[in-house]
N, C-alpha and C. Protein backbone atom coordinates (compact mmCIF):
# COMPACT_ATOMS: atom_id res chain seq x y z
N UNK A 1 116.32 106.50 71.16
CA UNK A 1 116.21 107.87 70.66
C UNK A 1 116.11 108.80 71.86
N UNK A 2 117.09 109.61 72.09
CA UNK A 2 117.11 110.50 73.26
C UNK A 2 116.44 111.83 72.93
N UNK A 3 115.93 112.48 73.95
CA UNK A 3 115.34 113.80 73.79
C UNK A 3 116.43 114.83 73.54
N UNK A 4 116.06 115.89 72.87
CA UNK A 4 116.94 117.04 72.74
C UNK A 4 117.13 117.61 74.13
N UNK A 5 118.34 118.06 74.49
CA UNK A 5 118.57 118.52 75.86
C UNK A 5 117.69 119.70 76.28
N UNK A 6 117.19 120.47 75.32
CA UNK A 6 116.33 121.60 75.66
C UNK A 6 114.87 121.18 75.85
N UNK A 7 114.55 119.94 75.57
CA UNK A 7 113.17 119.49 75.70
C UNK A 7 113.09 118.26 76.58
N UNK A 8 112.44 118.41 77.69
CA UNK A 8 112.24 117.28 78.59
C UNK A 8 110.87 116.68 78.30
N UNK A 9 110.80 115.36 78.35
CA UNK A 9 109.52 114.70 78.16
C UNK A 9 108.61 114.94 79.35
N UNK A 10 107.33 115.05 79.09
CA UNK A 10 106.36 115.32 80.14
C UNK A 10 106.02 114.06 80.93
N UNK A 11 106.05 114.19 82.25
CA UNK A 11 105.69 113.10 83.14
C UNK A 11 104.43 113.52 83.90
N UNK A 12 103.39 112.73 83.78
CA UNK A 12 102.14 112.98 84.49
C UNK A 12 102.12 112.11 85.74
N UNK A 13 101.80 112.73 86.86
CA UNK A 13 101.64 111.98 88.11
C UNK A 13 100.17 112.09 88.53
N UNK A 14 99.54 110.94 88.69
CA UNK A 14 98.20 110.89 89.27
C UNK A 14 98.41 110.62 90.75
N UNK A 15 98.18 111.61 91.58
CA UNK A 15 98.46 111.51 93.01
C UNK A 15 97.17 111.52 93.81
N UNK A 16 96.96 110.48 94.59
CA UNK A 16 95.75 110.40 95.40
C UNK A 16 95.74 111.50 96.45
N UNK A 17 94.57 112.09 96.65
CA UNK A 17 94.47 113.22 97.57
C UNK A 17 94.69 112.84 99.03
N UNK A 18 94.51 111.55 99.38
CA UNK A 18 94.66 111.13 100.77
C UNK A 18 96.09 110.71 101.13
N UNK A 19 96.89 110.33 100.16
CA UNK A 19 98.23 109.79 100.46
C UNK A 19 99.32 110.48 99.65
N UNK A 20 99.33 110.23 98.36
CA UNK A 20 100.44 110.67 97.53
C UNK A 20 100.51 112.19 97.36
N UNK A 21 99.36 112.84 97.24
CA UNK A 21 99.40 114.30 97.07
C UNK A 21 99.99 114.99 98.30
N UNK A 22 99.58 114.62 99.52
CA UNK A 22 100.26 115.19 100.68
C UNK A 22 101.75 114.83 100.71
N UNK A 23 102.10 113.66 100.20
CA UNK A 23 103.51 113.29 100.10
C UNK A 23 104.26 114.22 99.16
N UNK A 24 103.66 114.53 98.01
CA UNK A 24 104.27 115.47 97.07
C UNK A 24 104.38 116.86 97.70
N UNK A 25 103.36 117.24 98.42
CA UNK A 25 103.36 118.53 99.11
C UNK A 25 104.48 118.60 100.15
N UNK A 26 104.73 117.50 100.83
CA UNK A 26 105.80 117.48 101.84
C UNK A 26 107.17 117.62 101.21
N UNK A 27 107.30 117.18 99.97
CA UNK A 27 108.56 117.35 99.24
C UNK A 27 108.82 118.85 99.05
N UNK A 28 107.79 119.57 98.67
CA UNK A 28 107.92 121.02 98.52
C UNK A 28 108.19 121.71 99.84
N UNK A 29 107.51 121.28 100.88
CA UNK A 29 107.72 121.88 102.20
C UNK A 29 109.14 121.63 102.71
N UNK A 30 109.74 120.53 102.28
CA UNK A 30 111.12 120.23 102.67
C UNK A 30 112.13 120.95 101.78
N UNK A 31 111.62 121.76 100.84
CA UNK A 31 112.44 122.52 99.90
C UNK A 31 113.30 121.62 99.02
N UNK A 32 112.80 120.42 98.77
CA UNK A 32 113.45 119.52 97.82
C UNK A 32 112.94 119.86 96.43
N UNK A 33 113.70 119.50 95.44
CA UNK A 33 113.25 119.79 94.08
C UNK A 33 113.20 118.51 93.27
N UNK A 34 112.41 118.56 92.23
CA UNK A 34 112.31 117.46 91.29
C UNK A 34 112.15 118.08 89.90
N UNK A 35 112.31 117.30 88.85
CA UNK A 35 112.31 117.86 87.49
C UNK A 35 111.05 118.67 87.18
N UNK A 36 111.25 119.77 86.49
CA UNK A 36 110.15 120.68 86.15
C UNK A 36 109.21 120.12 85.09
N UNK A 37 109.58 119.03 84.46
CA UNK A 37 108.73 118.43 83.43
C UNK A 37 107.67 117.51 84.04
N UNK A 38 107.48 117.61 85.34
CA UNK A 38 106.55 116.76 86.08
C UNK A 38 105.27 117.53 86.37
N UNK A 39 104.14 116.92 86.04
CA UNK A 39 102.84 117.54 86.24
C UNK A 39 102.03 116.66 87.18
N UNK A 40 101.63 117.23 88.30
CA UNK A 40 100.90 116.45 89.31
C UNK A 40 99.42 116.77 89.23
N UNK A 41 98.63 115.72 89.09
CA UNK A 41 97.18 115.85 89.07
C UNK A 41 96.65 115.20 90.34
N UNK A 42 96.03 115.98 91.19
CA UNK A 42 95.45 115.50 92.45
C UNK A 42 94.11 114.84 92.15
N UNK A 43 93.98 113.58 92.55
CA UNK A 43 92.76 112.83 92.24
C UNK A 43 92.25 112.11 93.49
N UNK A 44 90.93 111.93 93.60
CA UNK A 44 90.39 111.17 94.74
C UNK A 44 90.90 109.73 94.73
N UNK A 45 90.85 109.10 93.57
CA UNK A 45 91.33 107.73 93.40
C UNK A 45 91.62 107.51 91.91
N UNK A 46 92.80 107.04 91.57
CA UNK A 46 93.16 106.85 90.16
C UNK A 46 92.28 105.84 89.42
N UNK A 47 91.56 105.02 90.15
CA UNK A 47 90.68 104.04 89.52
C UNK A 47 89.60 104.73 88.69
N UNK A 48 89.39 106.02 88.90
CA UNK A 48 88.38 106.77 88.17
C UNK A 48 88.70 106.88 86.67
N UNK A 49 89.97 106.71 86.32
CA UNK A 49 90.37 106.89 84.92
C UNK A 49 90.25 105.59 84.14
N UNK A 50 89.53 105.60 83.02
CA UNK A 50 89.40 104.39 82.21
C UNK A 50 90.70 104.06 81.48
N UNK A 51 90.78 102.86 80.97
CA UNK A 51 91.99 102.42 80.27
C UNK A 51 92.38 103.37 79.14
N UNK A 52 91.41 103.84 78.39
CA UNK A 52 91.69 104.70 77.24
C UNK A 52 92.40 105.99 77.64
N UNK A 53 92.17 106.46 78.84
CA UNK A 53 92.81 107.68 79.33
C UNK A 53 94.33 107.62 79.16
N UNK A 54 94.91 106.50 79.52
CA UNK A 54 96.36 106.35 79.47
C UNK A 54 96.87 106.41 78.03
N UNK A 55 96.17 105.75 77.13
CA UNK A 55 96.58 105.76 75.73
C UNK A 55 96.43 107.16 75.13
N UNK A 56 95.35 107.85 75.53
CA UNK A 56 95.15 109.22 75.06
C UNK A 56 96.28 110.13 75.55
N UNK A 57 96.70 109.95 76.80
CA UNK A 57 97.81 110.75 77.34
C UNK A 57 99.07 110.56 76.51
N UNK A 58 99.41 109.31 76.22
CA UNK A 58 100.61 109.04 75.43
C UNK A 58 100.48 109.63 74.02
N UNK A 59 99.30 109.52 73.43
CA UNK A 59 99.08 110.04 72.09
C UNK A 59 99.15 111.57 72.05
N UNK A 60 98.85 112.21 73.17
CA UNK A 60 98.83 113.68 73.22
C UNK A 60 100.11 114.29 73.78
N UNK A 61 101.17 113.49 73.92
CA UNK A 61 102.46 114.06 74.27
C UNK A 61 102.99 113.79 75.66
N UNK A 62 102.25 113.03 76.47
CA UNK A 62 102.79 112.64 77.78
C UNK A 62 103.77 111.50 77.52
N UNK A 63 104.97 111.61 78.08
CA UNK A 63 106.00 110.60 77.85
C UNK A 63 105.93 109.46 78.85
N UNK A 64 105.41 109.73 80.05
CA UNK A 64 105.34 108.70 81.08
C UNK A 64 104.28 109.10 82.11
N UNK A 65 103.75 108.09 82.80
CA UNK A 65 102.73 108.32 83.83
C UNK A 65 103.11 107.52 85.07
N UNK A 66 103.09 108.21 86.20
CA UNK A 66 103.28 107.54 87.48
C UNK A 66 101.96 107.65 88.24
N UNK A 67 101.41 106.52 88.61
CA UNK A 67 100.20 106.50 89.42
C UNK A 67 100.65 106.29 90.85
N UNK A 68 100.52 107.34 91.65
CA UNK A 68 100.92 107.28 93.05
C UNK A 68 99.64 107.14 93.87
N UNK A 69 99.45 105.96 94.40
CA UNK A 69 98.21 105.68 95.12
C UNK A 69 98.48 105.42 96.59
N UNK A 70 97.41 105.18 97.30
CA UNK A 70 97.51 104.81 98.72
C UNK A 70 97.77 103.31 98.87
N UNK A 71 97.72 102.58 97.78
CA UNK A 71 97.89 101.14 97.84
C UNK A 71 96.75 100.50 98.60
N UNK A 72 97.06 99.52 99.39
CA UNK A 72 96.02 98.80 100.14
C UNK A 72 95.36 99.68 101.19
N UNK A 73 95.94 100.84 101.48
CA UNK A 73 95.38 101.77 102.47
C UNK A 73 94.33 102.71 101.87
N UNK A 74 93.95 102.48 100.63
CA UNK A 74 92.97 103.33 99.95
C UNK A 74 91.67 103.39 100.75
N UNK A 75 91.14 104.59 100.98
CA UNK A 75 89.91 104.71 101.77
C UNK A 75 88.66 104.24 101.03
N UNK A 76 88.76 103.99 99.74
CA UNK A 76 87.62 103.54 98.95
C UNK A 76 87.69 102.02 98.78
N UNK A 77 86.78 101.33 99.40
CA UNK A 77 86.78 99.86 99.42
C UNK A 77 86.85 99.29 98.00
N UNK A 78 87.87 98.46 97.77
CA UNK A 78 88.02 97.76 96.49
C UNK A 78 88.65 98.58 95.38
N UNK A 79 88.89 99.87 95.63
CA UNK A 79 89.41 100.73 94.55
C UNK A 79 90.81 100.33 94.12
N UNK A 80 91.69 100.03 95.07
CA UNK A 80 93.06 99.70 94.70
C UNK A 80 93.12 98.39 93.92
N UNK A 81 92.36 97.42 94.34
CA UNK A 81 92.33 96.13 93.63
C UNK A 81 91.82 96.32 92.20
N UNK A 82 90.77 97.14 92.05
CA UNK A 82 90.24 97.41 90.72
C UNK A 82 91.26 98.17 89.87
N UNK A 83 91.97 99.10 90.50
CA UNK A 83 93.00 99.85 89.78
C UNK A 83 94.11 98.92 89.30
N UNK A 84 94.58 98.04 90.17
CA UNK A 84 95.65 97.11 89.79
C UNK A 84 95.24 96.25 88.61
N UNK A 85 94.00 95.77 88.60
CA UNK A 85 93.51 94.96 87.47
C UNK A 85 93.43 95.81 86.20
N UNK A 86 92.97 97.05 86.35
CA UNK A 86 92.89 97.93 85.18
C UNK A 86 94.28 98.19 84.60
N UNK A 87 95.24 98.46 85.46
CA UNK A 87 96.59 98.75 84.97
C UNK A 87 97.19 97.52 84.30
N UNK A 88 96.89 96.33 84.78
CA UNK A 88 97.33 95.11 84.09
C UNK A 88 96.79 95.09 82.66
N UNK A 89 95.53 95.49 82.48
CA UNK A 89 94.94 95.54 81.14
C UNK A 89 95.59 96.64 80.30
N UNK A 90 95.91 97.76 80.93
CA UNK A 90 96.60 98.84 80.21
C UNK A 90 97.97 98.37 79.73
N UNK A 91 98.68 97.64 80.58
CA UNK A 91 99.98 97.09 80.17
C UNK A 91 99.83 96.20 78.94
N UNK A 92 98.80 95.36 78.92
CA UNK A 92 98.57 94.51 77.75
C UNK A 92 98.31 95.37 76.50
N UNK A 93 97.52 96.42 76.67
CA UNK A 93 97.26 97.33 75.56
C UNK A 93 98.51 98.07 75.11
N UNK A 94 99.36 98.40 76.06
CA UNK A 94 100.62 99.06 75.70
C UNK A 94 101.49 98.13 74.87
N UNK A 95 101.55 96.87 75.28
CA UNK A 95 102.34 95.89 74.51
C UNK A 95 101.80 95.76 73.10
N UNK A 96 100.47 95.72 72.97
CA UNK A 96 99.85 95.60 71.65
C UNK A 96 100.15 96.83 70.78
N UNK A 97 100.35 97.98 71.41
CA UNK A 97 100.65 99.22 70.70
C UNK A 97 102.17 99.47 70.60
N UNK A 98 102.94 98.52 71.05
CA UNK A 98 104.41 98.61 71.05
C UNK A 98 104.92 99.79 71.87
N UNK A 99 104.21 100.09 72.97
CA UNK A 99 104.65 101.11 73.91
C UNK A 99 105.41 100.42 75.03
N UNK A 100 106.55 100.94 75.39
CA UNK A 100 107.34 100.39 76.48
C UNK A 100 106.53 100.50 77.78
N UNK A 101 106.27 99.38 78.42
CA UNK A 101 105.44 99.37 79.62
C UNK A 101 106.09 100.08 80.80
N UNK A 102 107.38 100.34 80.72
CA UNK A 102 108.04 101.08 81.80
C UNK A 102 107.58 102.54 81.85
N UNK A 103 106.89 102.98 80.81
CA UNK A 103 106.37 104.36 80.78
C UNK A 103 105.21 104.55 81.76
N UNK A 104 104.66 103.48 82.27
CA UNK A 104 103.54 103.54 83.21
C UNK A 104 103.93 102.80 84.48
N UNK A 105 103.81 103.48 85.59
CA UNK A 105 104.22 102.87 86.86
C UNK A 105 103.15 103.11 87.91
N UNK A 106 102.76 102.04 88.58
CA UNK A 106 101.84 102.09 89.71
C UNK A 106 102.65 101.89 90.97
N UNK A 107 102.56 102.83 91.90
CA UNK A 107 103.32 102.75 93.12
C UNK A 107 102.50 103.31 94.28
N UNK A 108 102.84 102.90 95.48
CA UNK A 108 102.18 103.43 96.68
C UNK A 108 103.11 104.46 97.32
N UNK A 109 102.58 105.63 97.58
CA UNK A 109 103.33 106.71 98.23
C UNK A 109 102.50 107.20 99.41
N UNK A 110 103.13 107.30 100.56
CA UNK A 110 102.41 107.74 101.76
C UNK A 110 102.52 109.26 101.91
N UNK A 111 101.88 109.77 102.93
CA UNK A 111 101.82 111.22 103.14
C UNK A 111 103.16 111.85 103.46
N UNK A 112 104.12 111.08 103.95
CA UNK A 112 105.44 111.63 104.31
C UNK A 112 106.58 110.92 103.58
N UNK A 113 106.28 110.32 102.45
CA UNK A 113 107.29 109.54 101.70
C UNK A 113 108.09 110.44 100.76
N UNK A 114 108.81 111.39 101.31
CA UNK A 114 109.59 112.32 100.49
C UNK A 114 110.60 111.60 99.60
N UNK A 115 111.40 110.74 100.21
CA UNK A 115 112.45 110.05 99.45
C UNK A 115 111.86 109.15 98.37
N UNK A 116 110.81 108.43 98.71
CA UNK A 116 110.18 107.54 97.73
C UNK A 116 109.59 108.34 96.57
N UNK A 117 108.95 109.46 96.88
CA UNK A 117 108.40 110.33 95.84
C UNK A 117 109.51 110.80 94.91
N UNK A 118 110.58 111.35 95.49
CA UNK A 118 111.68 111.86 94.68
C UNK A 118 112.34 110.76 93.85
N UNK A 119 112.49 109.58 94.42
CA UNK A 119 113.09 108.47 93.69
C UNK A 119 112.23 108.09 92.49
N UNK A 120 110.92 107.98 92.70
CA UNK A 120 110.03 107.61 91.59
C UNK A 120 110.11 108.63 90.46
N UNK A 121 110.05 109.91 90.81
CA UNK A 121 110.09 110.97 89.80
C UNK A 121 111.44 110.99 89.08
N UNK A 122 112.51 110.93 89.82
CA UNK A 122 113.84 110.98 89.20
C UNK A 122 114.13 109.75 88.35
N UNK A 123 113.70 108.58 88.81
CA UNK A 123 113.88 107.36 88.01
C UNK A 123 113.09 107.45 86.71
N UNK A 124 111.86 107.93 86.80
CA UNK A 124 111.04 108.04 85.59
C UNK A 124 111.62 109.09 84.65
N UNK A 125 112.13 110.17 85.20
CA UNK A 125 112.73 111.21 84.36
C UNK A 125 113.93 110.65 83.61
N UNK A 126 114.76 109.86 84.27
CA UNK A 126 115.91 109.24 83.60
C UNK A 126 115.44 108.29 82.50
N UNK A 127 114.38 107.53 82.77
CA UNK A 127 113.85 106.62 81.76
C UNK A 127 113.32 107.39 80.54
N UNK A 128 112.61 108.48 80.79
CA UNK A 128 112.06 109.29 79.70
C UNK A 128 113.19 109.84 78.82
N UNK A 129 114.26 110.27 79.45
CA UNK A 129 115.41 110.77 78.69
C UNK A 129 116.01 109.66 77.83
N UNK A 130 116.04 108.46 78.38
CA UNK A 130 116.58 107.31 77.65
C UNK A 130 115.69 106.91 76.48
N UNK A 131 114.37 106.85 76.71
CA UNK A 131 113.44 106.35 75.70
C UNK A 131 113.03 107.38 74.66
N UNK A 132 113.02 108.65 75.01
CA UNK A 132 112.51 109.67 74.11
C UNK A 132 111.00 109.64 74.06
N UNK A 133 110.41 110.36 73.13
CA UNK A 133 108.94 110.43 73.07
C UNK A 133 108.32 109.10 72.66
N UNK A 134 107.14 108.81 73.16
CA UNK A 134 106.48 107.56 72.78
C UNK A 134 105.94 107.64 71.35
N UNK A 135 106.02 106.53 70.66
CA UNK A 135 105.40 106.39 69.35
C UNK A 135 104.23 105.44 69.55
N UNK A 136 103.04 105.97 69.41
CA UNK A 136 101.84 105.20 69.71
C UNK A 136 101.31 104.57 68.43
N UNK A 137 101.20 103.24 68.45
CA UNK A 137 100.61 102.51 67.34
C UNK A 137 99.21 102.08 67.73
N UNK A 138 98.37 101.89 66.75
CA UNK A 138 97.02 101.39 67.03
C UNK A 138 97.09 99.92 67.40
N UNK A 139 96.23 99.52 68.30
CA UNK A 139 96.21 98.11 68.73
C UNK A 139 95.55 97.25 67.68
């Protein structure tokens, strides 16, 4: 089910303030553009968000979420490992709710990763156009 051409699905990006957010900022400084349906939330560490947060986002109209983290370079000891385990549990919950797991992506973006940032956003935007809005079922 494709989106109407006048309506783009909303993509939420959780961008870590130490790595991914400066990377997103560098995209703007380079005068590059990415789809306007992208909303960037600057966060200290995405591990702060509980599993239910992701399901609530999908239920409230977010079509996809990209978690752009520092990866193993996270300044908070153990945060990335805890995040990866949490996202694995979210994927299981998405499967139980019949949500396409491709709607949620965990990736590492550095402070100057312009191309990687743009690729992630554009790939997710193409996927959102292909999938249309999420239909959230109860687990």
